[in-house]
């Protein structure tokens, strides 16, 4: 009996270690629309209602929300039209998906375990981690403070980060030139 308990404790500990050390973002080098063994319960189409999370002051319309058949988990999927050359999604796209995690949790009362970002040539699976959620909430707080004039970010120019930034040549002074 003691051996069975020891073996089950060891297996439980191994499972927890595996869950804790899985990568937050995994990538497949192909476009993969949909979630296996799931049905679409929400599609961003004309006339589809906007999902509003009042408590967080967030709203949005994910491209799809799938419900898995067995465990009834909700999985958001966001489709992006561009192609990626790197094996990391754009940070803004990750935060958009994380915002959908928070919205789905408030609107439907279910916390998505992960979501998918689908680009023209790659599919990323993003796990719904406490770290990503905290980063998004901190970023949202800073954005709201910026709108109220209470916070001014410190620019740290970097070619790789700034080359696709929507602020380039507008509010940011960095122009991408070597000095």
C-alpha atoms as a PDB file:
ATOM      1  CA  UNK A   1       0.000   0.000   0.000  1.00  0.00           C
ATOM      2  CA  UNK A   2       2.834   2.388   0.873  1.00  0.00           C
ATOM      3  CA  UNK A   3       4.504   1.670  -2.488  1.00  0.00           C
ATOM      4  CA  UNK A   4       1.302   2.569  -4.360  1.00  0.00           C
ATOM      5  CA  UNK A   5       1.099   5.884  -2.510  1.00  0.00           C
ATOM      6  CA  UNK A   6       4.775   6.613  -3.230  1.00  0.00           C
ATOM      7  CA  UNK A   7       4.323   5.807  -6.928  1.00  0.00           C
ATOM      8  CA  UNK A   8       1.213   7.976  -7.193  1.00  0.00           C
ATOM      9  CA  UNK A   9       3.010  10.860  -5.447  1.00  0.00           C
ATOM     10  CA  UNK A  10       5.950  10.509  -7.813  1.00  0.00           C
ATOM     11  CA  UNK A  11       3.637  10.483 -10.849  1.00  0.00           C
ATOM     12  CA  UNK A  12       1.759  13.524  -9.522  1.00  0.00           C
ATOM     13  CA  UNK A  13       5.024  15.391  -8.947  1.00  0.00           C
ATOM     14  CA  UNK A  14       6.244  14.489 -12.465  1.00  0.00           C
ATOM     15  CA  UNK A  15       2.978  15.714 -13.980  1.00  0.00           C
ATOM     16  CA  UNK A  16       3.213  19.018 -12.087  1.00  0.00           C
ATOM     17  CA  UNK A  17       6.800  19.484 -13.254  1.00  0.00           C
ATOM     18  CA  UNK A  18       5.797  18.793 -16.859  1.00  0.00           C
ATOM     19  CA  UNK A  19       2.898  21.264 -16.653  1.00  0.00           C
ATOM     20  CA  UNK A  20       5.117  23.918 -15.094  1.00  0.00           C
ATOM     21  CA  UNK A  21       7.911  23.691 -17.644  1.00  0.00           C
ATOM     22  CA  UNK A  22       5.887  23.536 -20.858  1.00  0.00           C
ATOM     23  CA  UNK A  23       6.628  26.463 -23.154  1.00  0.00           C
ATOM     24  CA  UNK A  24       4.166  29.371 -23.017  1.00  0.00           C
ATOM     25  CA  UNK A  25       4.216  29.663 -26.799  1.00  0.00           C
ATOM     26  CA  UNK A  26       4.528  26.765 -29.228  1.00  0.00           C
ATOM     27  CA  UNK A  27       4.688  27.086 -33.013  1.00  0.00           C
ATOM     28  CA  UNK A  28       3.739  24.985 -36.044  1.00  0.00           C
ATOM     29  CA  UNK A  29       5.092  25.909 -39.470  1.00  0.00           C
ATOM     30  CA  UNK A  30       1.700  25.802 -41.145  1.00  0.00           C
ATOM     31  CA  UNK A  31      -1.637  27.521 -41.047  1.00  0.00           C
ATOM     32  CA  UNK A  32      -3.954  25.576 -38.771  1.00  0.00           C
ATOM     33  CA  UNK A  33      -7.439  27.037 -38.448  1.00  0.00           C
ATOM     34  CA  UNK A  34      -9.670  25.360 -35.917  1.00  0.00           C
ATOM     35  CA  UNK A  35      -9.370  23.357 -32.739  1.00  0.00           C
ATOM     36  CA  UNK A  36      -9.443  19.550 -32.795  1.00  0.00           C
ATOM     37  CA  UNK A  37     -12.470  17.878 -31.233  1.00  0.00           C
ATOM     38  CA  UNK A  38     -14.283  21.194 -30.768  1.00  0.00           C
ATOM     39  CA  UNK A  39     -17.109  23.224 -32.274  1.00  0.00           C
ATOM     40  CA  UNK A  40     -17.138  26.930 -33.043  1.00  0.00           C
ATOM     41  CA  UNK A  41     -19.572  28.691 -30.696  1.00  0.00           C
ATOM     42  CA  UNK A  42     -18.666  32.256 -31.688  1.00  0.00           C
ATOM     43  CA  UNK A  43     -17.594  33.776 -35.012  1.00  0.00           C
ATOM     44  CA  UNK A  44     -16.735  37.401 -35.707  1.00  0.00           C
ATOM     45  CA  UNK A  45     -19.256  38.099 -38.433  1.00  0.00           C
ATOM     46  CA  UNK A  46     -21.331  41.135 -39.280  1.00  0.00           C
ATOM     47  CA  UNK A  47     -23.963  41.504 -36.588  1.00  0.00           C
ATOM     48  CA  UNK A  48     -22.108  39.373 -34.018  1.00  0.00           C
ATOM     49  CA  UNK A  49     -22.324  40.942 -30.591  1.00  0.00           C
ATOM     50  CA  UNK A  50     -19.308  42.607 -29.051  1.00  0.00           C
ATOM     51  CA  UNK A  51     -18.069  40.751 -25.968  1.00  0.00           C
ATOM     52  CA  UNK A  52     -17.801  43.178 -23.053  1.00  0.00           C
ATOM     53  CA  UNK A  53     -15.950  42.554 -19.782  1.00  0.00           C
ATOM     54  CA  UNK A  54     -17.339  45.384 -17.643  1.00  0.00           C
ATOM     55  CA  UNK A  55     -15.156  44.731 -14.597  1.00  0.00           C
ATOM     56  CA  UNK A  56     -11.948  45.038 -16.643  1.00  0.00           C
ATOM     57  CA  UNK A  57     -13.262  47.712 -19.024  1.00  0.00           C
ATOM     58  CA  UNK A  58     -12.328  45.464 -21.958  1.00  0.00           C
ATOM     59  CA  UNK A  59     -14.261  44.596 -25.062  1.00  0.00           C
ATOM     60  CA  UNK A  60     -13.543  42.702 -28.227  1.00  0.00           C
ATOM     61  CA  UNK A  61     -14.562  40.251 -30.906  1.00  0.00           C
ATOM     62  CA  UNK A  62     -12.269  37.271 -31.322  1.00  0.00           C
ATOM     63  CA  UNK A  63     -12.381  35.706 -34.779  1.00  0.00           C
ATOM     64  CA  UNK A  64     -13.559  32.412 -33.266  1.00  0.00           C
ATOM     65  CA  UNK A  65     -14.262  30.821 -29.906  1.00  0.00           C
ATOM     66  CA  UNK A  66     -14.285  27.034 -29.917  1.00  0.00           C
ATOM     67  CA  UNK A  67     -15.794  24.808 -27.241  1.00  0.00           C
ATOM     68  CA  UNK A  68     -14.077  21.450 -26.787  1.00  0.00           C
ATOM     69  CA  UNK A  69     -16.416  18.482 -26.896  1.00  0.00           C
ATOM     70  CA  UNK A  70     -15.149  16.545 -23.908  1.00  0.00           C
ATOM     71  CA  UNK A  71     -14.170  19.100 -21.252  1.00  0.00           C
ATOM     72  CA  UNK A  72     -16.293  22.021 -22.560  1.00  0.00           C
ATOM     73  CA  UNK A  73     -13.310  24.404 -22.473  1.00  0.00           C
ATOM     74  CA  UNK A  74     -13.383  27.631 -24.470  1.00  0.00           C
ATOM     75  CA  UNK A  75     -10.492  28.260 -26.878  1.00  0.00           C
ATOM     76  CA  UNK A  76     -10.184  31.625 -28.678  1.00  0.00           C
ATOM     77  CA  UNK A  77      -8.616  31.705 -32.139  1.00  0.00           C
ATOM     78  CA  UNK A  78      -7.396  34.893 -33.822  1.00  0.00           C
ATOM     79  CA  UNK A  79      -6.478  34.965 -37.529  1.00  0.00           C
ATOM     80  CA  UNK A  80      -3.810  37.362 -38.793  1.00  0.00           C
ATOM     81  CA  UNK A  81      -3.304  38.045 -42.481  1.00  0.00           C
ATOM     82  CA  UNK A  82       0.469  38.541 -42.457  1.00  0.00           C
ATOM     83  CA  UNK A  83       3.310  36.049 -42.776  1.00  0.00           C
ATOM     84  CA  UNK A  84       6.057  35.680 -40.209  1.00  0.00           C
ATOM     85  CA  UNK A  85       9.699  34.883 -40.830  1.00  0.00           C
ATOM     86  CA  UNK A  86      10.517  34.435 -37.140  1.00  0.00           C
ATOM     87  CA  UNK A  87       9.227  31.749 -34.783  1.00  0.00           C
ATOM     88  CA  UNK A  88       7.615  34.228 -32.372  1.00  0.00           C
ATOM     89  CA  UNK A  89       4.286  36.011 -32.803  1.00  0.00           C
ATOM     90  CA  UNK A  90       4.066  39.790 -32.533  1.00  0.00           C
ATOM     91  CA  UNK A  91       3.764  40.834 -28.885  1.00  0.00           C
ATOM     92  CA  UNK A  92       0.700  42.989 -29.611  1.00  0.00           C
ATOM     93  CA  UNK A  93      -1.050  39.959 -31.117  1.00  0.00           C
ATOM     94  CA  UNK A  94      -0.216  37.873 -28.041  1.00  0.00           C
ATOM     95  CA  UNK A  95      -1.650  40.582 -25.777  1.00  0.00           C
ATOM     96  CA  UNK A  96      -4.773  40.761 -27.946  1.00  0.00           C
ATOM     97  CA  UNK A  97      -5.272  37.020 -27.429  1.00  0.00           C
ATOM     98  CA  UNK A  98      -4.621  37.366 -23.683  1.00  0.00           C
ATOM     99  CA  UNK A  99      -7.251  40.133 -23.583  1.00  0.00           C
ATOM    100  CA  UNK A 100      -9.669  37.635 -25.144  1.00  0.00           C
ATOM    101  CA  UNK A 101      -8.763  35.163 -22.378  1.00  0.00           C
ATOM    102  CA  UNK A 102      -9.837  37.743 -19.789  1.00  0.00           C
ATOM    103  CA  UNK A 103     -12.990  38.733 -21.690  1.00  0.00           C
ATOM    104  CA  UNK A 104     -14.089  35.100 -22.153  1.00  0.00           C
ATOM    105  CA  UNK A 105     -13.497  34.384 -18.484  1.00  0.00           C
ATOM    106  CA  UNK A 106     -15.688  37.302 -17.413  1.00  0.00           C
ATOM    107  CA  UNK A 107     -18.420  36.926 -20.059  1.00  0.00           C
ATOM    108  CA  UNK A 108     -18.747  33.118 -20.078  1.00  0.00           C
ATOM    109  CA  UNK A 109     -17.357  32.258 -16.638  1.00  0.00           C
ATOM    110  CA  UNK A 110     -14.779  29.843 -18.104  1.00  0.00           C
ATOM    111  CA  UNK A 111     -11.024  30.381 -18.145  1.00  0.00           C
ATOM    112  CA  UNK A 112      -9.515  29.319 -21.492  1.00  0.00           C
ATOM    113  CA  UNK A 113      -6.445  27.095 -20.995  1.00  0.00           C
ATOM    114  CA  UNK A 114      -4.898  28.359 -24.235  1.00  0.00           C
ATOM    115  CA  UNK A 115      -5.652  30.163 -27.472  1.00  0.00           C
ATOM    116  CA  UNK A 116      -4.361  30.168 -31.030  1.00  0.00           C
ATOM    117  CA  UNK A 117      -2.812  32.863 -33.203  1.00  0.00           C
ATOM    118  CA  UNK A 118      -2.961  31.886 -36.862  1.00  0.00           C
ATOM    119  CA  UNK A 119      -0.784  33.717 -39.379  1.00  0.00           C
ATOM    120  CA  UNK A 120      -0.671  32.980 -43.118  1.00  0.00           C
ATOM    121  CA  UNK A 121       2.244  30.565 -42.664  1.00  0.00           C
ATOM    122  CA  UNK A 122       2.437  29.688 -38.942  1.00  0.00           C
ATOM    123  CA  UNK A 123       0.148  28.783 -36.067  1.00  0.00           C
ATOM    124  CA  UNK A 124       1.024  29.614 -32.471  1.00  0.00           C
ATOM    125  CA  UNK A 125      -0.577  28.066 -29.414  1.00  0.00           C
ATOM    126  CA  UNK A 126      -0.423  30.508 -26.490  1.00  0.00           C
ATOM    127  CA  UNK A 127      -0.982  29.149 -22.974  1.00  0.00           C
ATOM    128  CA  UNK A 128      -3.089  31.278 -20.628  1.00  0.00           C
ATOM    129  CA  UNK A 129      -0.481  31.870 -17.915  1.00  0.00           C
ATOM    130  CA  UNK A 130      -0.573  34.100 -14.853  1.00  0.00           C
ATOM    131  CA  UNK A 131       2.547  35.896 -16.128  1.00  0.00           C
ATOM    132  CA  UNK A 132       0.941  36.841 -19.468  1.00  0.00           C
ATOM    133  CA  UNK A 133      -2.235  37.983 -17.719  1.00  0.00           C
ATOM    134  CA  UNK A 134      -0.261  40.132 -15.249  1.00  0.00           C
ATOM    135  CA  UNK A 135       1.808  41.664 -18.083  1.00  0.00           C
ATOM    136  CA  UNK A 136      -1.346  42.562 -19.993  1.00  0.00           C
ATOM    137  CA  UNK A 137      -3.001  44.112 -16.941  1.00  0.00           C
ATOM    138  CA  UNK A 138       0.128  46.168 -16.239  1.00  0.00           C
ATOM    139  CA  UNK A 139       0.253  47.300 -19.868  1.00  0.00           C
ATOM    140  CA  UNK A 140      -3.453  48.238 -19.812  1.00  0.00           C
ATOM    141  CA  UNK A 141      -2.883  50.259 -16.634  1.00  0.00           C
ATOM    142  CA  UNK A 142       0.008  52.111 -18.271  1.00  0.00           C
ATOM    143  CA  UNK A 143      -2.070  52.776 -21.396  1.00  0.00           C
ATOM    144  CA  UNK A 144      -4.902  54.228 -19.326  1.00  0.00           C
ATOM    145  CA  UNK A 145      -2.433  56.369 -17.371  1.00  0.00           C
ATOM    146  CA  UNK A 146      -0.969  57.608 -20.672  1.00  0.00           C
ATOM    147  CA  UNK A 147      -4.446  58.642 -21.838  1.00  0.00           C
ATOM    148  CA  UNK A 148      -4.952  60.544 -18.585  1.00  0.00           C
ATOM    149  CA  UNK A 149      -1.513  62.157 -18.841  1.00  0.00           C
ATOM    150  CA  UNK A 150      -0.219  60.494 -15.655  1.00  0.00           C
ATOM    151  CA  UNK A 151       2.383  58.274 -17.322  1.00  0.00           C
ATOM    152  CA  UNK A 152       4.959  58.935 -20.014  1.00  0.00           C
ATOM    153  CA  UNK A 153       6.845  55.869 -21.250  1.00  0.00           C
ATOM    154  CA  UNK A 154      10.585  55.887 -21.665  1.00  0.00           C
ATOM    155  CA  UNK A 155      11.496  55.047 -25.256  1.00  0.00           C
ATOM    156  CA  UNK A 156      14.196  52.412 -25.650  1.00  0.00           C
ATOM    157  CA  UNK A 157      14.761  52.391 -29.407  1.00  0.00           C
ATOM    158  CA  UNK A 158      15.605  49.102 -30.998  1.00  0.00           C
ATOM    159  CA  UNK A 159      15.528  48.432 -34.730  1.00  0.00           C
ATOM    160  CA  UNK A 160      13.907  45.004 -34.428  1.00  0.00           C
ATOM    161  CA  UNK A 161      11.199  46.234 -32.051  1.00  0.00           C
ATOM    162  CA  UNK A 162      10.614  49.567 -33.773  1.00  0.00           C
ATOM    163  CA  UNK A 163      10.647  48.610 -37.456  1.00  0.00           C
ATOM    164  CA  UNK A 164       6.962  47.541 -37.446  1.00  0.00           C
ATOM    165  CA  UNK A 165       5.738  49.832 -34.657  1.00  0.00           C
ATOM    166  CA  UNK A 166       2.639  51.908 -35.381  1.00  0.00           C
ATOM    167  CA  UNK A 167       4.230  54.836 -33.524  1.00  0.00           C
ATOM    168  CA  UNK A 168       7.205  55.007 -35.903  1.00  0.00           C
ATOM    169  CA  UNK A 169       7.426  58.473 -37.459  1.00  0.00           C
ATOM    170  CA  UNK A 170       4.514  59.726 -35.339  1.00  0.00           C
ATOM    171  CA  UNK A 171       4.719  60.166 -31.560  1.00  0.00           C
ATOM    172  CA  UNK A 172       8.053  58.412 -31.166  1.00  0.00           C
ATOM    173  CA  UNK A 173      11.159  60.443 -31.843  1.00  0.00           C
ATOM    174  CA  UNK A 174      13.205  57.460 -32.991  1.00  0.00           C
ATOM    175  CA  UNK A 175      13.358  57.313 -36.777  1.00  0.00           C
ATOM    176  CA  UNK A 176      15.390  54.127 -37.182  1.00  0.00           C
ATOM    177  CA  UNK A 177      18.573  55.921 -38.199  1.00  0.00           C
ATOM    178  CA  UNK A 178      21.973  54.988 -36.866  1.00  0.00           C
ATOM    179  CA  UNK A 179      23.473  57.799 -34.813  1.00  0.00           C
END
